Amino acid sequence: MSNKLGGICNISKKEMVLDAFKYRFACKEFDTAKQISDEDFQFILETARLSPSSFGFEPWKLLVIENKALRNEMKEFAWGAQTQLPTADKFLVVLSRTKNSLQPESEYIQNHLKNVAKMPDDVVAGYTNHFKNFLADDFDLLSDDRLVFEWASRQAYLAMANMMTSAATIGIDSCPIEGFNKADVEQLLMRKGLINTDEFGVSAMLAFGYRATEPTRHKTRQSLDAHVEVVL
């Protein structure tokens, strides 16, 4: 009996996850009369905090832009967020760490190893050297200043994806946005004292809220065979 109930539970969980993926779409305009509860938004943020990252370094930061005036200023440089900036209940700018703050001996990395991961000194030394080899040799990320930032952005996108999926599971809509001028948005955030470009760059934007209208077309995707090749 218990195995049967466990099987039913697993099917239910699978259906719930797939339903969330089917429900989620890139919402372009949100219902301004509906707000996300603090509890629900904290749940979404917590799924970002618990997201995986290469080496466990969590090289991202989320700016939650509540300031309406700042959102309005951002519209000038964010052509892909013209309807999301004024209507989303929660609007995030996703920052990723730059080469400077991800050097193996940097304050951020060493603090993470010693005080977050709480590694003993000998393990810290070994892990530092391992990460140094990864950057320099395995992925050749030190040959261009932009490459480490792009690597960090890939980690941030894992957190973004988890946030969007977790939001969809509780009926909250989202929209990931890359339609903006990176340099101009960074300059704006620098002028506001919200970013130090020696440490962070802007990777993406992410809007949350409740859809103003239902999507006009069904979700379209390629077949699984187009994405998956089994190597025997």
C-alpha atoms as a PDB file:
ATOM      1  CA  MET A   1       0.000   0.000   0.000  1.00  0.00           C
ATOM      2  CA  SER A   2       2.754   2.456   0.936  1.00  0.00           C
ATOM      3  CA  ASN A   3       4.573   1.872  -2.378  1.00  0.00           C
ATOM      4  CA  LYS A   4       1.348   2.513  -4.260  1.00  0.00           C
ATOM      5  CA  LEU A   5       0.747   5.754  -2.373  1.00  0.00           C
ATOM      6  CA  GLY A   6       4.360   6.783  -2.987  1.00  0.00           C
ATOM      7  CA  GLY A   7       3.880   6.206  -6.709  1.00  0.00           C
ATOM      8  CA  ILE A   8       0.748   8.358  -6.731  1.00  0.00           C
ATOM      9  CA  CYS A   9       2.590  11.078  -4.837  1.00  0.00           C
ATOM     10  CA  ASN A  10       5.480  11.022  -7.335  1.00  0.00           C
ATOM     11  CA  ILE A  11       3.079  11.269 -10.267  1.00  0.00           C
ATOM     12  CA  SER A  12       1.364  14.213  -8.601  1.00  0.00           C
ATOM     13  CA  LYS A  13       4.687  15.996  -8.066  1.00  0.00           C
ATOM     14  CA  LYS A  14       5.736  15.414 -11.664  1.00  0.00           C
ATOM     15  CA  GLU A  15       2.427  16.750 -12.939  1.00  0.00           C
ATOM     16  CA  MET A  16       2.739  19.793 -10.687  1.00  0.00           C
ATOM     17  CA  VAL A  17       6.209  20.601 -12.031  1.00  0.00           C
ATOM     18  CA  LEU A  18       5.179  20.107 -15.658  1.00  0.00           C
ATOM     19  CA  ASP A  19       2.043  22.179 -15.116  1.00  0.00           C
ATOM     20  CA  ALA A  20       4.224  25.018 -13.830  1.00  0.00           C
ATOM     21  CA  PHE A  21       6.388  24.897 -16.957  1.00  0.00           C
ATOM     22  CA  LYS A  22       3.292  24.854 -19.163  1.00  0.00           C
ATOM     23  CA  TYR A  23       1.734  27.749 -17.223  1.00  0.00           C
ATOM     24  CA  ARG A  24       4.822  29.973 -17.392  1.00  0.00           C
ATOM     25  CA  PHE A  25       5.202  32.349 -20.313  1.00  0.00           C
ATOM     26  CA  ALA A  26       7.100  35.593 -20.887  1.00  0.00           C
ATOM     27  CA  CYS A  27       4.478  37.976 -19.534  1.00  0.00           C
ATOM     28  CA  LYS A  28       4.818  41.358 -21.212  1.00  0.00           C
ATOM     29  CA  GLU A  29       2.217  43.288 -19.211  1.00  0.00           C
ATOM     30  CA  PHE A  30       1.054  42.752 -15.642  1.00  0.00           C
ATOM     31  CA  ASP A  31      -2.146  43.534 -13.748  1.00  0.00           C
ATOM     32  CA  THR A  32      -1.236  46.580 -11.632  1.00  0.00           C
ATOM     33  CA  ALA A  33      -4.201  45.956  -9.331  1.00  0.00           C
ATOM     34  CA  LYS A  34      -2.683  42.692  -8.060  1.00  0.00           C
ATOM     35  CA  GLN A  35       0.284  42.480  -5.724  1.00  0.00           C
ATOM     36  CA  ILE A  36       2.532  39.591  -4.733  1.00  0.00           C
ATOM     37  CA  SER A  37       2.409  38.877  -1.018  1.00  0.00           C
ATOM     38  CA  ASP A  38       5.613  39.281   0.976  1.00  0.00           C
ATOM     39  CA  GLU A  39       5.476  35.596   1.848  1.00  0.00           C
ATOM     40  CA  ASP A  40       5.231  34.523  -1.799  1.00  0.00           C
ATOM     41  CA  PHE A  41       8.012  36.842  -2.912  1.00  0.00           C
ATOM     42  CA  GLN A  42      10.302  35.616  -0.146  1.00  0.00           C
ATOM     43  CA  PHE A  43       9.582  32.075  -1.319  1.00  0.00           C
ATOM     44  CA  ILE A  44      10.661  33.033  -4.859  1.00  0.00           C
ATOM     45  CA  LEU A  45      13.834  34.713  -3.587  1.00  0.00           C
ATOM     46  CA  GLU A  46      14.632  31.706  -1.418  1.00  0.00           C
ATOM     47  CA  THR A  47      14.636  29.438  -4.482  1.00  0.00           C
ATOM     48  CA  ALA A  48      17.286  31.730  -5.974  1.00  0.00           C
ATOM     49  CA  ARG A  49      19.343  31.512  -2.776  1.00  0.00           C
ATOM     50  CA  LEU A  50      19.184  27.721  -2.855  1.00  0.00           C
ATOM     51  CA  SER A  51      20.106  27.479  -6.540  1.00  0.00           C
ATOM     52  CA  PRO A  52      23.242  25.665  -7.691  1.00  0.00           C
ATOM     53  CA  SER A  53      26.304  27.457  -9.033  1.00  0.00           C
ATOM     54  CA  SER A  54      29.688  26.358 -10.327  1.00  0.00           C
ATOM     55  CA  PHE A  55      32.041  25.760  -7.384  1.00  0.00           C
ATOM     56  CA  GLY A  56      29.123  26.914  -5.179  1.00  0.00           C
ATOM     57  CA  PHE A  57      30.319  30.521  -5.491  1.00  0.00           C
ATOM     58  CA  GLU A  58      26.861  32.133  -6.045  1.00  0.00           C
ATOM     59  CA  PRO A  59      28.368  34.937  -8.206  1.00  0.00           C
ATOM     60  CA  TRP A  60      25.187  36.988  -8.492  1.00  0.00           C
ATOM     61  CA  LYS A  61      23.220  39.735  -6.781  1.00  0.00           C
ATOM     62  CA  LEU A  62      19.562  40.693  -7.193  1.00  0.00           C
ATOM     63  CA  LEU A  63      18.526  44.345  -7.139  1.00  0.00           C
ATOM     64  CA  VAL A  64      14.799  44.590  -6.388  1.00  0.00           C
ATOM     65  CA  ILE A  65      13.792  47.920  -7.922  1.00  0.00           C
ATOM     66  CA  GLU A  66      10.801  49.230  -5.978  1.00  0.00           C
ATOM     67  CA  ASN A  67      11.540  52.890  -6.771  1.00  0.00           C
ATOM     68  CA  LYS A  68       9.035  53.978  -9.462  1.00  0.00           C
ATOM     69  CA  ALA A  69      11.110  56.978 -10.535  1.00  0.00           C
ATOM     70  CA  LEU A  70      14.151  54.782 -11.120  1.00  0.00           C
ATOM     71  CA  ARG A  71      12.063  52.307 -13.075  1.00  0.00           C
ATOM     72  CA  ASN A  72      10.905  55.169 -15.273  1.00  0.00           C
ATOM     73  CA  GLU A  73      14.494  56.270 -15.872  1.00  0.00           C
ATOM     74  CA  MET A  74      15.455  52.715 -16.811  1.00  0.00           C
ATOM     75  CA  LYS A  75      12.855  52.678 -19.596  1.00  0.00           C
ATOM     76  CA  GLU A  76      15.098  54.929 -21.694  1.00  0.00           C
ATOM     77  CA  PHE A  77      17.726  52.182 -21.877  1.00  0.00           C
ATOM     78  CA  ALA A  78      15.534  49.063 -21.710  1.00  0.00           C
ATOM     79  CA  TRP A  79      13.628  48.702 -24.971  1.00  0.00           C
ATOM     80  CA  GLY A  80      12.581  45.170 -24.009  1.00  0.00           C
ATOM     81  CA  ALA A  81      10.977  46.228 -20.715  1.00  0.00           C
ATOM     82  CA  GLN A  82       8.751  49.120 -21.783  1.00  0.00           C
ATOM     83  CA  THR A  83       5.548  47.486 -20.534  1.00  0.00           C
ATOM     84  CA  GLN A  84       7.077  45.411 -17.737  1.00  0.00           C
ATOM     85  CA  LEU A  85       8.852  48.247 -15.916  1.00  0.00           C
ATOM     86  CA  PRO A  86       5.666  50.230 -15.180  1.00  0.00           C
ATOM     87  CA  THR A  87       3.338  47.261 -14.563  1.00  0.00           C
ATOM     88  CA  ALA A  88       5.367  44.523 -12.805  1.00  0.00           C
ATOM     89  CA  ASP A  89       4.790  44.303  -9.069  1.00  0.00           C
ATOM     90  CA  LYS A  90       8.400  43.191  -8.569  1.00  0.00           C
ATOM     91  CA  PHE A  91      11.180  44.187 -10.964  1.00  0.00           C
ATOM     92  CA  LEU A  92      14.686  42.799 -10.546  1.00  0.00           C
ATOM     93  CA  VAL A  93      18.016  43.692 -12.094  1.00  0.00           C
ATOM     94  CA  VAL A  94      20.234  40.614 -12.094  1.00  0.00           C
ATOM     95  CA  LEU A  95      23.907  41.377 -11.454  1.00  0.00           C
ATOM     96  CA  SER A  96      26.812  38.999 -11.999  1.00  0.00           C
ATOM     97  CA  ARG A  97      30.317  39.301 -10.662  1.00  0.00           C
ATOM     98  CA  THR A  98      33.189  40.525 -12.808  1.00  0.00           C
ATOM     99  CA  LYS A  99      36.686  39.149 -13.297  1.00  0.00           C
ATOM    100  CA  ASN A 100      38.072  41.384 -10.521  1.00  0.00           C
ATOM    101  CA  SER A 101      35.871  39.984  -7.780  1.00  0.00           C
ATOM    102  CA  LEU A 102      36.170  36.375  -8.947  1.00  0.00           C
ATOM    103  CA  GLN A 103      39.944  36.078  -8.917  1.00  0.00           C
ATOM    104  CA  PRO A 104      40.890  33.023  -6.812  1.00  0.00           C
ATOM    105  CA  GLU A 105      42.647  35.218  -4.229  1.00  0.00           C
ATOM    106  CA  SER A 106      39.947  37.899  -4.208  1.00  0.00           C
ATOM    107  CA  GLU A 107      38.237  38.945  -1.002  1.00  0.00           C
ATOM    108  CA  TYR A 108      34.913  37.550  -2.218  1.00  0.00           C
ATOM    109  CA  ILE A 109      36.232  34.075  -3.077  1.00  0.00           C
ATOM    110  CA  GLN A 110      38.359  33.751   0.035  1.00  0.00           C
ATOM    111  CA  ASN A 111      35.525  34.936   2.288  1.00  0.00           C
ATOM    112  CA  HIS A 112      33.180  32.452   0.628  1.00  0.00           C
ATOM    113  CA  LEU A 113      35.559  29.543   1.176  1.00  0.00           C
ATOM    114  CA  LYS A 114      36.486  30.450   4.739  1.00  0.00           C
ATOM    115  CA  ASN A 115      33.310  31.962   6.186  1.00  0.00           C
ATOM    116  CA  VAL A 116      30.434  30.667   4.048  1.00  0.00           C
ATOM    117  CA  ALA A 117      31.628  27.166   3.166  1.00  0.00           C
ATOM    118  CA  LYS A 118      33.669  27.117   6.410  1.00  0.00           C
ATOM    119  CA  MET A 119      36.523  25.138   4.912  1.00  0.00           C
ATOM    120  CA  PRO A 120      39.684  24.483   6.950  1.00  0.00           C
ATOM    121  CA  ASP A 121      42.813  26.322   5.816  1.00  0.00           C
ATOM    122  CA  ASP A 122      44.372  23.390   3.951  1.00  0.00           C
ATOM    123  CA  VAL A 123      41.158  22.773   2.016  1.00  0.00           C
ATOM    124  CA  VAL A 124      40.881  26.488   1.208  1.00  0.00           C
ATOM    125  CA  ALA A 125      44.382  26.415  -0.263  1.00  0.00           C
ATOM    126  CA  GLY A 126      43.604  23.368  -2.384  1.00  0.00           C
ATOM    127  CA  TYR A 127      40.229  24.718  -3.525  1.00  0.00           C
ATOM    128  CA  THR A 128      41.789  28.076  -4.423  1.00  0.00           C
ATOM    129  CA  ASN A 129      44.389  26.369  -6.576  1.00  0.00           C
ATOM    130  CA  HIS A 130      41.747  24.150  -8.175  1.00  0.00           C
ATOM    131  CA  PHE A 131      39.626  27.182  -9.086  1.00  0.00           C
ATOM    132  CA  LYS A 132      42.704  28.979 -10.444  1.00  0.00           C
ATOM    133  CA  ASN A 133      43.410  26.046 -12.776  1.00  0.00           C
ATOM    134  CA  PHE A 134      39.773  25.962 -13.849  1.00  0.00           C
ATOM    135  CA  LEU A 135      39.799  29.645 -14.823  1.00  0.00           C
ATOM    136  CA  ALA A 136      43.180  29.626 -16.528  1.00  0.00           C
ATOM    137  CA  ASP A 137      43.284  26.208 -18.160  1.00  0.00           C
ATOM    138  CA  ASP A 138      40.091  24.161 -18.148  1.00  0.00           C
ATOM    139  CA  PHE A 139      37.779  26.885 -19.487  1.00  0.00           C
ATOM    140  CA  ASP A 140      40.415  29.481 -20.529  1.00  0.00           C
ATOM    141  CA  LEU A 141      38.402  32.295 -18.930  1.00  0.00           C
ATOM    142  CA  LEU A 142      41.267  34.672 -18.202  1.00  0.00           C
ATOM    143  CA  SER A 143      42.144  35.448 -21.814  1.00  0.00           C
ATOM    144  CA  ASP A 144      39.443  38.138 -22.030  1.00  0.00           C
ATOM    145  CA  ASP A 145      38.064  40.337 -19.225  1.00  0.00           C
ATOM    146  CA  ARG A 146      34.468  39.709 -20.334  1.00  0.00           C
ATOM    147  CA  LEU A 147      34.695  35.907 -20.163  1.00  0.00           C
ATOM    148  CA  VAL A 148      34.589  35.573 -16.367  1.00  0.00           C
ATOM    149  CA  PHE A 149      31.538  37.849 -16.225  1.00  0.00           C
ATOM    150  CA  GLU A 150      29.804  35.727 -18.876  1.00  0.00           C
ATOM    151  CA  TRP A 151      30.648  32.588 -16.869  1.00  0.00           C
ATOM    152  CA  ALA A 152      29.156  34.216 -13.765  1.00  0.00           C
ATOM    153  CA  SER A 153      26.075  35.176 -15.788  1.00  0.00           C
ATOM    154  CA  ARG A 154      25.516  31.531 -16.661  1.00  0.00           C
ATOM    155  CA  GLN A 155      25.368  30.802 -12.948  1.00  0.00           C
ATOM    156  CA  ALA A 156      22.933  33.677 -12.380  1.00  0.00           C
ATOM    157  CA  TYR A 157      20.660  32.297 -15.097  1.00  0.00           C
ATOM    158  CA  LEU A 158      20.289  29.085 -13.087  1.00  0.00           C
ATOM    159  CA  ALA A 159      18.908  31.139 -10.213  1.00  0.00           C
ATOM    160  CA  MET A 160      16.666  33.080 -12.594  1.00  0.00           C
ATOM    161  CA  ALA A 161      15.209  29.892 -14.062  1.00  0.00           C
ATOM    162  CA  ASN A 162      14.481  28.487 -10.625  1.00  0.00           C
ATOM    163  CA  MET A 163      12.772  31.718  -9.580  1.00  0.00           C
ATOM    164  CA  MET A 164      10.534  31.701 -12.643  1.00  0.00           C
ATOM    165  CA  THR A 165       9.588  28.062 -12.174  1.00  0.00           C
ATOM    166  CA  SER A 166       8.894  28.450  -8.465  1.00  0.00           C
ATOM    167  CA  ALA A 167       6.789  31.528  -9.213  1.00  0.00           C
ATOM    168  CA  ALA A 168       4.774  29.607 -11.794  1.00  0.00           C
ATOM    169  CA  THR A 169       4.064  26.803  -9.306  1.00  0.00           C
ATOM    170  CA  ILE A 170       2.165  29.298  -7.138  1.00  0.00           C
ATOM    171  CA  GLY A 171       0.444  31.103 -10.015  1.00  0.00           C
ATOM    172  CA  ILE A 172       2.774  34.100 -10.294  1.00  0.00           C
ATOM    173  CA  ASP A 173       3.910  35.274 -13.711  1.00  0.00           C
ATOM    174  CA  SER A 174       7.345  36.418 -14.801  1.00  0.00           C
ATOM    175  CA  CYS A 175       9.359  37.714 -17.717  1.00  0.00           C
ATOM    176  CA  PRO A 176      13.137  37.425 -18.252  1.00  0.00           C
ATOM    177  CA  ILE A 177      14.526  40.420 -20.152  1.00  0.00           C
ATOM    178  CA  GLU A 178      17.728  40.970 -22.119  1.00  0.00           C
ATOM    179  CA  GLY A 179      16.370  43.858 -24.188  1.00  0.00           C
ATOM    180  CA  PHE A 180      18.434  46.701 -22.772  1.00  0.00           C
ATOM    181  CA  ASN A 181      21.701  48.557 -23.294  1.00  0.00           C
ATOM    182  CA  LYS A 182      24.043  47.019 -20.743  1.00  0.00           C
ATOM    183  CA  ALA A 183      26.494  49.915 -20.546  1.00  0.00           C
ATOM    184  CA  ASP A 184      23.773  52.567 -20.186  1.00  0.00           C
ATOM    185  CA  VAL A 185      21.913  50.655 -17.468  1.00  0.00           C
ATOM    186  CA  GLU A 186      25.157  50.148 -15.577  1.00  0.00           C
ATOM    187  CA  GLN A 187      25.975  53.852 -15.826  1.00  0.00           C
ATOM    188  CA  LEU A 188      22.520  54.720 -14.465  1.00  0.00           C
ATOM    189  CA  LEU A 189      22.917  52.318 -11.550  1.00  0.00           C
ATOM    190  CA  MET A 190      26.399  53.698 -10.864  1.00  0.00           C
ATOM    191  CA  ARG A 191      25.032  57.243 -10.687  1.00  0.00           C
ATOM    192  CA  LYS A 192      22.456  56.033  -8.172  1.00  0.00           C
ATOM    193  CA  GLY A 193      25.159  54.361  -6.091  1.00  0.00           C
ATOM    194  CA  LEU A 194      23.639  50.910  -6.663  1.00  0.00           C
ATOM    195  CA  ILE A 195      26.489  49.166  -8.459  1.00  0.00           C
ATOM    196  CA  ASN A 196      30.269  49.082  -8.446  1.00  0.00           C
ATOM    197  CA  THR A 197      31.318  47.947 -11.918  1.00  0.00           C
ATOM    198  CA  ASP A 198      34.642  46.685 -10.555  1.00  0.00           C
ATOM    199  CA  GLU A 199      32.571  44.020  -8.826  1.00  0.00           C
ATOM    200  CA  PHE A 200      29.366  43.577 -10.840  1.00  0.00           C
ATOM    201  CA  GLY A 201      27.871  43.916 -14.286  1.00  0.00           C
ATOM    202  CA  VAL A 202      24.237  43.715 -15.382  1.00  0.00           C
ATOM    203  CA  SER A 203      23.300  40.324 -16.836  1.00  0.00           C
ATOM    204  CA  ALA A 204      19.532  40.492 -17.169  1.00  0.00           C
ATOM    205  CA  MET A 205      16.279  41.854 -15.818  1.00  0.00           C
ATOM    206  CA  LEU A 206      13.418  39.853 -14.363  1.00  0.00           C
ATOM    207  CA  ALA A 207       9.827  40.971 -13.822  1.00  0.00           C
ATOM    208  CA  PHE A 208       7.191  39.338 -11.586  1.00  0.00           C
ATOM    209  CA  GLY A 209       3.488  39.927 -11.141  1.00  0.00           C
ATOM    210  CA  TYR A 210       0.118  38.669 -12.331  1.00  0.00           C
ATOM    211  CA  ARG A 211      -0.752  38.577 -16.027  1.00  0.00           C
ATOM    212  CA  ALA A 212      -3.040  41.313 -17.291  1.00  0.00           C
ATOM    213  CA  THR A 213      -4.329  39.071 -20.100  1.00  0.00           C
ATOM    214  CA  GLU A 214      -4.002  35.441 -21.053  1.00  0.00           C
ATOM    215  CA  PRO A 215      -1.310  34.547 -23.633  1.00  0.00           C
ATOM    216  CA  THR A 216      -2.578  34.783 -27.197  1.00  0.00           C
ATOM    217  CA  ARG A 217      -0.902  31.632 -28.444  1.00  0.00           C
ATOM    218  CA  HIS A 218       0.004  28.217 -27.125  1.00  0.00           C
ATOM    219  CA  LYS A 219       3.537  27.381 -26.044  1.00  0.00           C
ATOM    220  CA  THR A 220       5.555  26.042 -28.985  1.00  0.00           C
ATOM    221  CA  ARG A 221       8.720  24.003 -28.626  1.00  0.00           C
ATOM    222  CA  GLN A 222      10.789  21.653 -30.764  1.00  0.00           C
ATOM    223  CA  SER A 223      10.458  17.926 -30.143  1.00  0.00           C
ATOM    224  CA  LEU A 224      12.639  16.283 -27.509  1.00  0.00           C
ATOM    225  CA  ASP A 225      14.564  14.506 -30.274  1.00  0.00           C
ATOM    226  CA  ALA A 226      15.722  17.878 -31.600  1.00  0.00           C
ATOM    227  CA  HIS A 227      17.528  18.547 -28.324  1.00  0.00           C
ATOM    228  CA  VAL A 228      18.606  15.132 -27.083  1.00  0.00           C
ATOM    229  CA  GLU A 229      21.050  12.638 -28.559  1.00  0.00           C
ATOM    230  CA  VAL A 230      21.703   9.422 -26.696  1.00  0.00           C
ATOM    231  CA  VAL A 231      25.278   8.178 -26.983  1.00  0.00           C
ATOM    232  CA  LEU A 232      25.609   4.423 -26.409  1.00  0.00           C
END
